[in-house]
Amino acid sequence: MSKSYEIISRVGISTVSLSDAIQSVVMEANKEKRVSWFEVVEQRGRITSEDKVEYQVTVKIGRRVTD
């Protein structure tokens, strides 16, 4: 029996840490539909106008479509 998955991309942002940005974006996606796996494909950051470090991550999220 075949299985199908959808892959979506999301960007997580945090002023705490990279891992916080990853966790928040993955858990948000999991609330919509169960996440089967995720892959961090890009990490970056910036300094905000308030002189805070902002961490940004692009994450590929795999979710099962069919059984």
N, C-alpha and C. Protein backbone atom coordinates (compact mmCIF):
# COMPACT_ATOMS: atom_id res chain seq x y z
N MET A 1 0.84 -1.18 0.00
CA MET A 1 0.00 0.00 0.00
C MET A 1 0.89 1.25 0.00
N SER A 2 0.60 2.20 -0.87
CA SER A 2 1.39 3.43 -0.96
C SER A 2 0.94 4.44 0.09
N LYS A 3 1.86 5.33 0.37
CA LYS A 3 1.59 6.44 1.27
C LYS A 3 1.98 7.72 0.56
N SER A 4 1.24 8.79 0.82
CA SER A 4 1.56 10.08 0.23
C SER A 4 1.78 11.11 1.32
N TYR A 5 2.68 12.03 1.04
CA TYR A 5 2.99 13.11 1.98
C TYR A 5 2.94 14.44 1.24
N GLU A 6 2.55 15.49 1.95
CA GLU A 6 2.67 16.83 1.42
C GLU A 6 3.86 17.48 2.10
N ILE A 7 4.51 18.37 1.38
CA ILE A 7 5.64 19.12 1.94
C ILE A 7 5.29 20.59 1.86
N ILE A 8 5.36 21.26 3.00
CA ILE A 8 5.12 22.70 3.03
C ILE A 8 6.37 23.39 3.59
N SER A 9 6.52 24.65 3.26
CA SER A 9 7.62 25.44 3.80
C SER A 9 7.04 26.52 4.70
N ARG A 10 7.69 26.72 5.83
CA ARG A 10 7.29 27.77 6.77
C ARG A 10 8.54 28.47 7.27
N VAL A 11 8.38 29.72 7.67
CA VAL A 11 9.46 30.48 8.28
C VAL A 11 9.10 30.75 9.72
N GLY A 12 9.98 30.35 10.63
CA GLY A 12 9.80 30.62 12.05
C GLY A 12 10.71 31.76 12.48
N ILE A 13 10.19 32.61 13.36
CA ILE A 13 10.93 33.78 13.82
C ILE A 13 10.88 33.84 15.33
N SER A 14 12.02 34.15 15.95
CA SER A 14 12.09 34.27 17.41
C SER A 14 13.18 35.26 17.79
N THR A 15 12.99 35.95 18.90
CA THR A 15 14.05 36.80 19.45
C THR A 15 14.77 36.08 20.58
N VAL A 16 14.41 34.80 20.81
CA VAL A 16 15.03 34.01 21.88
C VAL A 16 16.20 33.18 21.34
N SER A 17 15.93 32.33 20.33
CA SER A 17 16.97 31.44 19.81
C SER A 17 16.50 30.79 18.50
N LEU A 18 17.46 30.17 17.80
CA LEU A 18 17.11 29.40 16.60
C LEU A 18 16.20 28.23 16.95
N SER A 19 16.53 27.53 18.03
CA SER A 19 15.71 26.38 18.41
C SER A 19 14.29 26.79 18.79
N ASP A 20 14.13 27.96 19.39
CA ASP A 20 12.80 28.46 19.70
C ASP A 20 12.02 28.77 18.42
N ALA A 21 12.69 29.33 17.43
CA ALA A 21 12.05 29.60 16.15
C ALA A 21 11.61 28.31 15.47
N ILE A 22 12.45 27.29 15.54
CA ILE A 22 12.12 25.98 14.95
C ILE A 22 10.93 25.36 15.68
N GLN A 23 11.02 25.31 16.98
CA GLN A 23 9.95 24.67 17.76
C GLN A 23 8.61 25.37 17.55
N SER A 24 8.61 26.69 17.54
CA SER A 24 7.33 27.39 17.42
C SER A 24 6.69 27.16 16.04
N VAL A 25 7.48 27.17 14.97
CA VAL A 25 6.90 26.98 13.64
C VAL A 25 6.43 25.53 13.44
N VAL A 26 7.16 24.58 13.97
CA VAL A 26 6.77 23.17 13.83
C VAL A 26 5.52 22.88 14.66
N MET A 27 5.46 23.39 15.87
CA MET A 27 4.29 23.13 16.72
C MET A 27 3.05 23.83 16.18
N GLU A 28 3.23 25.00 15.59
CA GLU A 28 2.09 25.70 14.96
C GLU A 28 1.53 24.87 13.80
N ALA A 29 2.42 24.33 12.96
CA ALA A 29 1.98 23.49 11.85
C ALA A 29 1.33 22.21 12.36
N ASN A 30 1.83 21.67 13.46
CA ASN A 30 1.28 20.44 14.02
C ASN A 30 -0.14 20.62 14.54
N LYS A 31 -0.48 21.83 14.98
CA LYS A 31 -1.85 22.11 15.44
C LYS A 31 -2.85 22.02 14.29
N GLU A 32 -2.40 22.37 13.09
CA GLU A 32 -3.27 22.32 11.91
C GLU A 32 -3.45 20.89 11.41
N LYS A 33 -2.34 20.16 11.34
CA LYS A 33 -2.34 18.78 10.87
C LYS A 33 -1.05 18.13 11.35
N ARG A 34 -1.14 16.90 11.79
CA ARG A 34 0.01 16.21 12.38
C ARG A 34 1.25 16.25 11.49
N VAL A 35 2.36 16.66 12.07
CA VAL A 35 3.64 16.73 11.36
C VAL A 35 4.32 15.37 11.45
N SER A 36 4.74 14.84 10.31
CA SER A 36 5.45 13.57 10.28
C SER A 36 6.95 13.77 10.44
N TRP A 37 7.47 14.81 9.84
CA TRP A 37 8.91 15.13 9.93
C TRP A 37 9.13 16.58 9.56
N PHE A 38 10.32 17.09 9.87
CA PHE A 38 10.68 18.44 9.45
C PHE A 38 12.17 18.52 9.20
N GLU A 39 12.54 19.48 8.37
CA GLU A 39 13.94 19.68 8.00
C GLU A 39 14.22 21.18 7.98
N VAL A 40 15.24 21.60 8.71
CA VAL A 40 15.65 23.00 8.67
C VAL A 40 16.51 23.19 7.43
N VAL A 41 16.07 24.06 6.52
CA VAL A 41 16.78 24.24 5.26
C VAL A 41 17.56 25.55 5.20
N GLU A 42 17.24 26.49 6.08
CA GLU A 42 17.95 27.76 6.06
C GLU A 42 17.87 28.41 7.44
N GLN A 43 18.98 29.01 7.85
CA GLN A 43 19.03 29.77 9.11
C GLN A 43 19.59 31.14 8.80
N ARG A 44 19.00 32.14 9.40
CA ARG A 44 19.50 33.49 9.20
C ARG A 44 19.02 34.34 10.37
N GLY A 45 19.44 35.58 10.40
CA GLY A 45 19.01 36.48 11.45
C GLY A 45 19.19 37.92 11.03
N ARG A 46 18.73 38.79 11.90
CA ARG A 46 18.88 40.22 11.64
C ARG A 46 18.84 40.95 12.97
N ILE A 47 19.24 42.19 12.94
CA ILE A 47 19.13 43.07 14.09
C ILE A 47 17.91 43.95 13.85
N THR A 48 16.97 43.94 14.79
CA THR A 48 15.75 44.73 14.63
C THR A 48 16.02 46.21 14.90
N SER A 49 15.02 47.02 14.62
CA SER A 49 15.16 48.46 14.88
C SER A 49 15.26 48.76 16.37
N GLU A 50 14.87 47.79 17.21
CA GLU A 50 15.01 47.93 18.67
C GLU A 50 16.33 47.33 19.17
N ASP A 51 17.26 47.06 18.27
CA ASP A 51 18.57 46.48 18.58
C ASP A 51 18.49 45.10 19.25
N LYS A 52 17.53 44.29 18.83
CA LYS A 52 17.43 42.91 19.29
C LYS A 52 17.83 41.99 18.14
N VAL A 53 18.36 40.83 18.50
CA VAL A 53 18.67 39.82 17.48
C VAL A 53 17.38 39.06 17.20
N GLU A 54 17.07 38.92 15.91
CA GLU A 54 15.91 38.14 15.49
C GLU A 54 16.41 36.94 14.70
N TYR A 55 16.08 35.75 15.17
CA TYR A 55 16.47 34.51 14.51
C TYR A 55 15.36 34.09 13.56
N GLN A 56 15.74 33.65 12.36
CA GLN A 56 14.77 33.22 11.37
C GLN A 56 15.22 31.87 10.80
N VAL A 57 14.27 30.96 10.65
CA VAL A 57 14.56 29.65 10.07
C VAL A 57 13.50 29.30 9.03
N THR A 58 13.96 28.73 7.93
CA THR A 58 13.03 28.17 6.95
C THR A 58 13.01 26.66 7.18
N VAL A 59 11.82 26.12 7.32
CA VAL A 59 11.64 24.71 7.67
C VAL A 59 10.74 24.05 6.63
N LYS A 60 11.16 22.89 6.12
CA LYS A 60 10.28 22.05 5.30
C LYS A 60 9.57 21.10 6.25
N ILE A 61 8.27 21.00 6.10
CA ILE A 61 7.47 20.16 6.99
C ILE A 61 6.76 19.11 6.13
N GLY A 62 6.90 17.86 6.51
CA GLY A 62 6.25 16.76 5.83
C GLY A 62 5.05 16.29 6.64
N ARG A 63 3.90 16.17 5.95
CA ARG A 63 2.68 15.70 6.62
C ARG A 63 2.04 14.63 5.74
N ARG A 64 1.58 13.59 6.38
CA ARG A 64 0.98 12.48 5.67
C ARG A 64 -0.39 12.89 5.11
N VAL A 65 -0.62 12.54 3.86
CA VAL A 65 -1.88 12.87 3.20
C VAL A 65 -2.82 11.67 3.19
N THR A 66 -2.29 10.49 2.81
CA THR A 66 -3.13 9.30 2.72
C THR A 66 -2.47 8.12 3.42
N ASP A 67 -3.25 7.13 3.70
CA ASP A 67 -2.74 5.89 4.31
C ASP A 67 -2.49 4.84 3.26
